[in-house]
Amino acid sequence: MKNIIWISLNHLKLLSKDKTAYLLLLALPLALTLITGMAFGESGSSKEAYILPLAIVDQDNSDVSEYLIQALTTENTRVQLIEEDSARELVKNKEIPAAVIITYGFQKDLQEGRPVEITVLQADLQESPRIVEQLVNNQLFRLKANTAAAEIGQIGQDFSPERWIYLFEQAADKWHPSPAVHVHMENISVSRDSDIPLGNQQSSPGYVVMFGMMTVIVSGSTTLLEERRNGTLTRLLSAPVNRFQLLTGKMLGFMVSGIFQMILMITAGQFIFGVNWGQNLPAVILLVAALSFASTGFGMMLASLCRTQSQAESLGVLSVIIMSMLGGAWWPVEILPSYMQILSRLVPSGWAMQGFIDLTLRGADLGHIAIPLLALTGFGTAFLTMGASAFRFQK
């Protein structure tokens, strides 16, 4: 055990002296995480409340139009009263998403039972104008109910505009301070397995997986082949160290370097990019260790299959890119076709991404990521067994 630890520490010491390793370990992954997160969505996991800017053109200037304006003024809207020409110009220039025009004769048409019309100007067919349309329709429903109450209140009497307004306002007051029927809302916990990660919530775990695998697989396989080429492995075997201890020590060093890099990236994602990495730190660390173990095994297998460093480097980079694409490190696997989602289960990155997304986005705990942990451990064991049995210590 002492020899294994010594060999592992020696590898980490040599790695710390390599200045280019720092670029690969941290600087490049963090830069790509930030750029990708900014390009494809929200940079953090929280959203601020959206305030809808809304322009209203009141051509009627009546009691009913004033009632409608007040009804459209809520904590989620920022209302401004302007002229029609200004409203059309603002919507045309997309300075506001929509504007509402209350036409002349609005109140009189309601009182006399004629159809009324409200115009909603919109810049395009995106979500905000639809929200305005829904908001106006909701208030028109109340307005029609108030109008019906005013008409019923004057049955059998001569029409009086003043009394009509009085009855209208009395009916409107019945909506406040609370509806006549109280609706009790009860939240039911539902499955969040279909939640799709966006922005840094996707890119941060994605680059943790991709660069974690890249560091361990490429540097691990090329280091073994380089030390075999220059005779370092043969010289180490001349010391009181057997082959099992030598390979185990090397693999442990590769695995620890991968864990170190991924923890640094996770820490940066949490405190710099605002990514919520969940509340279960032990689960995150176990998943990181399992991914690093699987990557270490793949690097060992790759070293046993290649004859030169250049072969291992090329195949290593290509393998990591393919596994990252299939596993959902570059894009959410949930948006891929069903057959691609099945293929993602055939590579370690797919299980790692599932575990990380479950922890960061869906509030999973250790029990929920048991299957990804077992899958990664299985990959690592299979890769290590094949690689260790086929690896040659001499060319």
Protein backbone atom coordinates (compact mmCIF):
# COMPACT_ATOMS: atom_id res chain seq x y z
CA MET A 1 0.00 0.00 0.00
CA LYS A 2 2.89 2.33 0.78
CA ASN A 3 4.37 1.82 -2.68
CA ILE A 4 1.01 2.51 -4.35
CA ILE A 5 0.61 5.82 -2.52
CA TRP A 6 4.20 6.83 -3.29
CA ILE A 7 3.75 6.18 -7.02
CA SER A 8 0.47 8.11 -7.02
CA LEU A 9 1.96 11.12 -5.23
CA ASN A 10 4.93 11.13 -7.57
CA HIS A 11 2.62 11.37 -10.58
CA LEU A 12 0.72 14.28 -9.02
CA LYS A 13 4.02 16.03 -8.23
CA LEU A 14 5.14 15.77 -11.85
CA LEU A 15 1.73 17.00 -13.04
CA SER A 16 1.92 20.08 -10.80
CA LYS A 17 5.13 21.16 -12.53
CA ASP A 18 3.49 21.16 -15.96
CA LYS A 19 2.26 24.72 -16.61
CA THR A 20 0.20 23.69 -19.63
CA ALA A 21 -1.70 21.32 -17.35
CA TYR A 22 -3.19 24.27 -15.49
CA LEU A 23 -4.66 25.59 -18.75
CA LEU A 24 -6.21 22.21 -19.54
CA LEU A 25 -7.35 21.60 -15.98
CA LEU A 26 -9.15 24.84 -15.23
CA ALA A 27 -8.77 27.96 -17.39
CA LEU A 28 -10.04 26.55 -20.69
CA PRO A 29 -13.00 24.63 -19.21
CA LEU A 30 -14.18 27.66 -17.23
CA ALA A 31 -13.94 29.96 -20.25
CA LEU A 32 -15.95 27.55 -22.40
CA THR A 33 -18.51 27.08 -19.63
CA LEU A 34 -19.13 30.83 -19.46
CA ILE A 35 -19.30 31.33 -23.23
CA THR A 36 -21.66 28.38 -23.80
CA GLY A 37 -23.88 29.31 -20.86
CA MET A 38 -24.25 32.89 -22.13
CA ALA A 39 -24.99 31.69 -25.67
CA PHE A 40 -27.64 29.10 -24.89
CA GLY A 41 -29.67 30.43 -22.02
CA GLU A 42 -29.75 31.84 -18.56
CA SER A 43 -26.38 32.18 -16.85
CA GLY A 44 -27.73 31.25 -13.45
CA SER A 45 -30.37 29.05 -12.00
CA SER A 46 -32.66 31.78 -10.70
CA LYS A 47 -35.01 34.10 -12.56
CA GLU A 48 -36.10 37.58 -11.61
CA ALA A 49 -39.80 38.38 -11.79
CA TYR A 50 -40.71 39.67 -15.26
CA ILE A 51 -42.41 43.10 -15.38
CA LEU A 52 -44.43 43.54 -18.57
CA PRO A 53 -44.24 47.06 -20.09
CA LEU A 54 -47.67 48.00 -21.43
CA ALA A 55 -48.87 51.16 -23.20
CA ILE A 56 -52.55 52.10 -23.05
CA VAL A 57 -54.29 54.58 -25.34
CA ASP A 58 -57.50 55.84 -23.71
CA GLN A 59 -59.58 57.56 -26.42
CA ASP A 60 -62.83 57.24 -24.45
CA ASN A 61 -61.76 58.93 -21.19
CA SER A 62 -64.77 57.48 -19.40
CA ASP A 63 -65.46 55.89 -16.02
CA VAL A 64 -65.45 52.42 -17.58
CA SER A 65 -62.20 52.98 -19.50
CA GLU A 66 -60.60 54.23 -16.27
CA TYR A 67 -61.83 51.06 -14.53
CA LEU A 68 -60.24 48.93 -17.26
CA ILE A 69 -56.93 50.79 -17.01
CA GLN A 70 -56.81 50.26 -13.25
CA ALA A 71 -57.61 46.58 -13.73
CA LEU A 72 -54.74 46.19 -16.20
CA THR A 73 -52.33 47.87 -13.78
CA THR A 74 -50.92 45.06 -11.65
CA GLU A 75 -47.70 44.25 -9.84
CA ASN A 76 -46.52 42.45 -12.98
CA THR A 77 -47.23 45.29 -15.44
CA ARG A 78 -45.73 48.74 -15.97
CA VAL A 79 -48.50 50.82 -17.56
CA GLN A 80 -48.01 54.14 -19.36
CA LEU A 81 -50.81 56.26 -20.89
CA ILE A 82 -49.81 57.68 -24.28
CA GLU A 83 -51.31 58.76 -27.61
CA GLU A 84 -52.03 56.27 -30.39
CA ASP A 85 -49.28 57.47 -32.72
CA SER A 86 -46.67 57.16 -29.97
CA ALA A 87 -47.95 53.70 -29.06
CA ARG A 88 -47.70 52.47 -32.64
CA GLU A 89 -44.18 53.87 -32.95
CA LEU A 90 -43.02 52.19 -29.72
CA VAL A 91 -44.47 48.83 -30.78
CA LYS A 92 -43.02 49.18 -34.29
CA ASN A 93 -39.54 49.81 -32.85
CA LYS A 94 -40.04 46.93 -30.39
CA GLU A 95 -39.46 49.23 -27.44
CA ILE A 96 -42.58 47.71 -25.88
CA PRO A 97 -44.12 44.32 -26.73
CA ALA A 98 -47.73 45.50 -26.99
CA ALA A 99 -50.19 48.37 -26.57
CA VAL A 100 -53.92 48.48 -25.80
CA ILE A 101 -56.25 50.97 -27.50
CA ILE A 102 -59.59 51.76 -25.82
CA THR A 103 -61.59 53.37 -28.62
CA TYR A 104 -63.93 56.36 -28.39
CA GLY A 105 -67.49 55.42 -27.41
CA PHE A 106 -66.39 52.38 -25.39
CA GLN A 107 -68.59 53.14 -22.36
CA LYS A 108 -71.57 54.31 -24.44
CA ASP A 109 -71.56 51.16 -26.54
CA LEU A 110 -71.56 49.04 -23.37
CA GLN A 111 -74.47 50.99 -21.93
CA GLU A 112 -76.52 50.66 -25.10
CA GLY A 113 -75.76 46.98 -25.57
CA ARG A 114 -73.71 47.33 -28.74
CA PRO A 115 -70.58 45.21 -29.44
CA VAL A 116 -67.39 46.80 -28.17
CA GLU A 117 -63.89 46.39 -29.46
CA ILE A 118 -60.45 46.82 -27.90
CA THR A 119 -57.39 46.87 -30.15
CA VAL A 120 -54.14 45.21 -29.04
CA LEU A 121 -51.08 46.28 -31.03
CA GLN A 122 -48.27 43.73 -30.98
CA ALA A 123 -44.73 43.68 -32.32
CA ASP A 124 -44.73 40.02 -33.23
CA LEU A 125 -46.24 36.69 -32.22
CA GLN A 126 -43.95 36.02 -29.29
CA GLU A 127 -45.05 35.31 -25.74
CA SER A 128 -45.45 38.83 -24.33
CA PRO A 129 -48.25 39.98 -26.72
CA ARG A 130 -50.12 36.76 -25.98
CA ILE A 131 -49.87 37.52 -22.28
CA VAL A 132 -51.33 41.00 -22.94
CA GLU A 133 -54.18 39.49 -24.96
CA GLN A 134 -54.96 37.05 -22.17
CA LEU A 135 -54.80 39.82 -19.57
CA VAL A 136 -57.21 42.00 -21.56
CA ASN A 137 -59.62 39.11 -22.14
CA ASN A 138 -59.67 38.30 -18.43
CA GLN A 139 -60.57 41.89 -17.56
CA LEU A 140 -63.18 42.05 -20.33
CA PHE A 141 -64.88 39.05 -18.76
CA ARG A 142 -65.23 40.97 -15.50
CA LEU A 143 -66.32 44.07 -17.39
CA LYS A 144 -69.09 42.14 -19.15
CA ALA A 145 -70.26 40.72 -15.82
CA ASN A 146 -70.39 44.22 -14.32
CA THR A 147 -72.29 45.47 -17.37
CA ALA A 148 -74.85 42.68 -17.07
CA ALA A 149 -75.35 43.51 -13.39
CA ALA A 150 -75.92 47.20 -14.25
CA GLU A 151 -78.47 46.30 -16.93
CA ILE A 152 -80.35 43.95 -14.61
CA GLY A 153 -80.41 46.65 -11.93
CA GLN A 154 -82.28 49.00 -14.31
CA ILE A 155 -84.96 46.60 -15.48
CA GLY A 156 -88.35 48.27 -15.24
CA GLN A 157 -86.81 51.72 -14.86
CA ASP A 158 -85.94 54.49 -17.26
CA PHE A 159 -82.32 54.34 -18.37
CA SER A 160 -80.09 56.62 -16.33
CA PRO A 161 -76.36 56.86 -17.20
CA GLU A 162 -75.57 57.94 -13.64
CA ARG A 163 -77.41 55.00 -12.10
CA TRP A 164 -75.85 52.66 -14.69
CA ILE A 165 -72.38 53.79 -13.60
CA TYR A 166 -73.35 53.43 -9.95
CA LEU A 167 -74.56 49.84 -10.47
CA PHE A 168 -71.50 49.07 -12.60
CA GLU A 169 -69.16 50.25 -9.85
CA GLN A 170 -71.11 48.35 -7.21
CA ALA A 171 -70.71 45.16 -9.22
CA ALA A 172 -67.01 45.90 -9.77
CA ASP A 173 -66.50 46.29 -6.03
CA LYS A 174 -67.74 42.72 -5.52
CA TRP A 175 -64.52 41.48 -7.11
CA HIS A 176 -62.54 43.08 -4.28
CA PRO A 177 -60.94 42.56 -1.85
CA SER A 178 -61.39 38.90 -2.76
CA PRO A 179 -63.48 36.90 -5.23
CA ALA A 180 -66.89 35.71 -4.07
CA VAL A 181 -65.67 32.14 -4.50
CA HIS A 182 -62.32 31.39 -2.85
CA VAL A 183 -60.11 29.00 -4.78
CA HIS A 184 -57.71 26.98 -2.65
CA MET A 185 -54.55 26.09 -4.57
CA GLU A 186 -52.79 22.93 -3.47
CA ASN A 187 -49.40 21.99 -4.90
CA ILE A 188 -48.82 18.37 -5.79
CA SER A 189 -45.27 17.16 -6.23
CA VAL A 190 -44.71 15.93 -9.75
CA SER A 191 -41.83 14.22 -11.46
CA ARG A 192 -39.16 16.61 -12.76
CA ASP A 193 -37.46 14.00 -14.92
CA SER A 194 -38.52 15.93 -18.03
CA ASP A 195 -36.95 19.24 -16.92
CA ILE A 196 -34.48 20.42 -19.53
CA PRO A 197 -31.29 22.14 -18.32
CA LEU A 198 -30.52 25.53 -19.88
CA GLY A 199 -27.54 27.86 -19.93
CA ASN A 200 -24.88 27.20 -17.33
CA GLN A 201 -27.16 24.61 -15.74
CA GLN A 202 -26.30 22.51 -18.82
CA SER A 203 -22.85 23.77 -19.79
CA SER A 204 -21.28 23.60 -16.32
CA PRO A 205 -21.98 19.87 -15.73
CA GLY A 206 -21.31 19.22 -19.42
CA TYR A 207 -17.80 20.63 -19.34
CA VAL A 208 -17.11 19.03 -15.97
CA VAL A 209 -17.82 15.68 -17.62
CA MET A 210 -16.01 16.36 -20.89
CA PHE A 211 -12.84 17.92 -19.50
CA GLY A 212 -12.77 15.54 -16.55
CA MET A 213 -12.73 12.64 -19.00
CA MET A 214 -10.32 14.40 -21.35
CA THR A 215 -7.75 15.06 -18.65
CA VAL A 216 -7.75 11.55 -17.25
CA ILE A 217 -8.05 9.59 -20.51
CA VAL A 218 -5.59 11.54 -22.65
CA SER A 219 -2.97 12.38 -20.03
CA GLY A 220 -3.26 8.94 -18.43
CA SER A 221 -2.81 6.92 -21.60
CA THR A 222 -0.04 9.12 -23.04
CA THR A 223 1.84 9.16 -19.73
CA LEU A 224 1.88 5.36 -19.56
CA LEU A 225 3.09 5.08 -23.16
CA GLU A 226 5.73 7.77 -22.67
CA GLU A 227 7.07 6.07 -19.54
CA ARG A 228 7.09 2.75 -21.35
CA ARG A 229 8.98 4.29 -24.27
CA ASN A 230 11.69 5.94 -22.16
CA GLY A 231 12.05 2.90 -19.86
CA THR A 232 10.66 4.52 -16.70
CA LEU A 233 8.26 1.64 -16.08
CA THR A 234 11.05 -0.91 -16.44
CA ARG A 235 13.25 0.98 -14.01
CA LEU A 236 10.43 1.24 -11.49
CA LEU A 237 9.90 -2.51 -11.70
CA SER A 238 13.55 -3.02 -10.76
CA ALA A 239 12.69 -1.44 -7.39
CA PRO A 240 10.76 -3.42 -4.76
CA VAL A 241 7.51 -2.75 -6.65
CA ASN A 242 5.44 -5.34 -8.49
CA ARG A 243 3.33 -4.77 -11.58
CA PHE A 244 0.07 -4.60 -9.67
CA GLN A 245 1.40 -1.92 -7.32
CA LEU A 246 2.87 0.08 -10.22
CA LEU A 247 -0.29 0.11 -12.28
CA THR A 248 -2.52 0.73 -9.26
CA GLY A 249 -0.38 3.66 -8.16
CA LYS A 250 -0.43 5.16 -11.64
CA MET A 251 -4.20 4.68 -11.95
CA LEU A 252 -4.76 6.24 -8.52
CA GLY A 253 -2.73 9.29 -9.53
CA PHE A 254 -4.71 9.70 -12.75
CA MET A 255 -7.98 9.33 -10.86
CA VAL A 256 -7.07 11.88 -8.18
CA SER A 257 -6.03 14.44 -10.81
CA GLY A 258 -9.42 14.05 -12.49
CA ILE A 259 -11.28 14.42 -9.19
CA PHE A 260 -9.26 17.53 -8.35
CA GLN A 261 -10.07 19.17 -11.69
CA MET A 262 -13.78 18.40 -11.53
CA ILE A 263 -14.11 19.68 -7.97
CA LEU A 264 -12.41 22.94 -8.98
CA MET A 265 -14.82 23.33 -11.90
CA ILE A 266 -17.84 22.52 -9.72
CA THR A 267 -16.71 25.08 -7.14
CA ALA A 268 -16.30 27.71 -9.85
CA GLY A 269 -19.70 26.83 -11.30
CA GLN A 270 -21.34 27.24 -7.89
CA PHE A 271 -19.75 30.53 -6.84
CA ILE A 272 -18.90 32.22 -10.16
CA PHE A 273 -21.64 31.11 -12.55
CA GLY A 274 -24.42 30.64 -9.98
CA VAL A 275 -25.06 26.98 -10.82
CA ASN A 276 -26.93 25.19 -8.06
CA TRP A 277 -25.03 21.93 -7.60
CA GLY A 278 -27.64 20.61 -5.20
CA GLN A 279 -27.70 20.23 -1.46
CA ASN A 280 -26.09 16.80 -1.30
CA LEU A 281 -22.33 17.34 -1.42
CA PRO A 282 -21.44 13.67 -0.68
CA ALA A 283 -23.53 12.58 -3.67
CA VAL A 284 -21.73 15.05 -5.95
CA ILE A 285 -18.30 13.90 -4.75
CA LEU A 286 -19.20 10.22 -5.17
CA LEU A 287 -20.39 10.86 -8.71
CA VAL A 288 -17.19 12.77 -9.50
CA ALA A 289 -15.10 9.89 -8.14
CA ALA A 290 -17.10 7.32 -10.11
CA LEU A 291 -16.66 9.28 -13.36
CA SER A 292 -12.94 9.69 -12.73
CA PHE A 293 -12.68 5.94 -12.03
CA ALA A 294 -14.44 5.09 -15.30
CA SER A 295 -12.20 7.55 -17.20
CA THR A 296 -9.10 6.07 -15.59
CA GLY A 297 -10.14 2.62 -16.74
CA PHE A 298 -10.76 3.88 -20.27
CA GLY A 299 -7.33 5.51 -20.32
CA MET A 300 -5.75 2.24 -19.19
CA MET A 301 -7.57 0.34 -21.93
CA LEU A 302 -6.54 2.94 -24.51
CA ALA A 303 -2.87 2.65 -23.48
CA SER A 304 -3.04 -1.11 -23.95
CA LEU A 305 -4.42 -0.72 -27.48
CA CYS A 306 -2.07 2.00 -28.77
CA ARG A 307 1.60 1.71 -29.61
CA THR A 308 2.55 5.40 -29.57
CA GLN A 309 1.65 8.55 -27.67
CA SER A 310 0.32 10.26 -30.79
CA GLN A 311 -2.07 7.38 -31.39
CA ALA A 312 -3.33 7.51 -27.82
CA GLU A 313 -3.71 11.29 -27.91
CA SER A 314 -5.66 11.28 -31.18
CA LEU A 315 -7.90 8.37 -30.24
CA GLY A 316 -8.36 9.74 -26.73
CA VAL A 317 -9.54 13.16 -27.89
CA LEU A 318 -11.80 11.60 -30.53
CA SER A 319 -13.29 9.16 -28.02
CA VAL A 320 -14.03 11.89 -25.48
CA ILE A 321 -15.67 14.09 -28.12
CA ILE A 322 -17.89 11.24 -29.32
CA MET A 323 -18.83 10.23 -25.78
CA SER A 324 -19.54 13.86 -24.85
CA MET A 325 -21.85 14.27 -27.82
CA LEU A 326 -23.68 11.00 -27.20
CA GLY A 327 -23.86 11.49 -23.44
CA GLY A 328 -25.42 14.95 -23.46
CA ALA A 329 -22.41 16.98 -22.37
CA TRP A 330 -22.77 19.34 -25.34
CA TRP A 331 -26.55 19.62 -25.36
CA PRO A 332 -29.43 18.33 -23.22
CA VAL A 333 -29.98 14.66 -23.99
CA GLU A 334 -33.71 15.29 -23.47
CA ILE A 335 -33.94 17.12 -26.80
CA LEU A 336 -32.37 14.26 -28.76
CA PRO A 337 -34.34 11.56 -30.63
CA SER A 338 -35.32 8.51 -28.60
CA TYR A 339 -32.69 6.28 -30.20
CA MET A 340 -29.97 8.80 -29.30
CA GLN A 341 -31.19 8.81 -25.71
CA ILE A 342 -30.78 5.03 -25.70
CA LEU A 343 -27.25 5.35 -27.10
CA SER A 344 -26.37 7.79 -24.31
CA ARG A 345 -26.70 4.88 -21.87
CA LEU A 346 -23.90 3.05 -23.66
CA VAL A 347 -21.19 5.55 -22.68
CA PRO A 348 -19.97 6.69 -19.23
CA SER A 349 -20.68 10.35 -19.99
CA GLY A 350 -24.39 9.62 -20.42
CA TRP A 351 -24.69 8.20 -16.90
CA ALA A 352 -22.54 10.96 -15.44
CA MET A 353 -24.68 13.67 -17.05
CA GLN A 354 -27.86 12.02 -15.85
CA GLY A 355 -26.53 11.98 -12.29
CA PHE A 356 -25.27 15.56 -12.38
CA ILE A 357 -28.46 16.97 -13.94
CA ASP A 358 -30.59 15.05 -11.43
CA LEU A 359 -28.57 16.57 -8.59
CA THR A 360 -28.35 20.13 -9.91
CA LEU A 361 -31.76 20.57 -11.53
CA ARG A 362 -34.12 17.98 -10.10
CA GLY A 363 -33.12 17.97 -6.44
CA ALA A 364 -32.08 14.30 -6.39
CA ASP A 365 -30.34 12.73 -3.41
CA LEU A 366 -27.83 9.90 -3.10
CA GLY A 367 -30.46 7.22 -3.51
CA HIS A 368 -31.67 8.65 -6.83
CA ILE A 369 -28.20 8.52 -8.41
CA ALA A 370 -27.42 4.97 -7.28
CA ILE A 371 -27.88 3.58 -10.79
CA PRO A 372 -25.52 6.13 -12.44
CA LEU A 373 -22.95 5.39 -9.73
CA LEU A 374 -23.22 1.63 -10.33
CA ALA A 375 -23.06 2.10 -14.10
CA LEU A 376 -19.90 4.24 -13.92
CA THR A 377 -18.28 1.80 -11.50
CA GLY A 378 -19.14 -1.03 -13.88
CA PHE A 379 -17.61 0.81 -16.83
CA GLY A 380 -14.44 1.53 -14.86
CA THR A 381 -14.06 -2.07 -13.68
CA ALA A 382 -14.55 -3.47 -17.19
CA PHE A 383 -12.13 -0.98 -18.77
CA LEU A 384 -9.47 -1.53 -16.10
CA THR A 385 -9.73 -5.30 -16.35
CA MET A 386 -9.30 -5.27 -20.14
CA GLY A 387 -6.57 -2.65 -20.06
CA ALA A 388 -4.49 -4.10 -17.24
CA SER A 389 -4.60 -7.60 -18.68
CA ALA A 390 -3.46 -6.43 -22.16
CA PHE A 391 -0.96 -3.70 -21.20
CA ARG A 392 2.71 -4.46 -21.91
CA PHE A 393 5.38 -2.84 -19.76
CA GLN A 394 7.95 -3.09 -22.58
CA LYS A 395 7.64 -2.31 -26.28
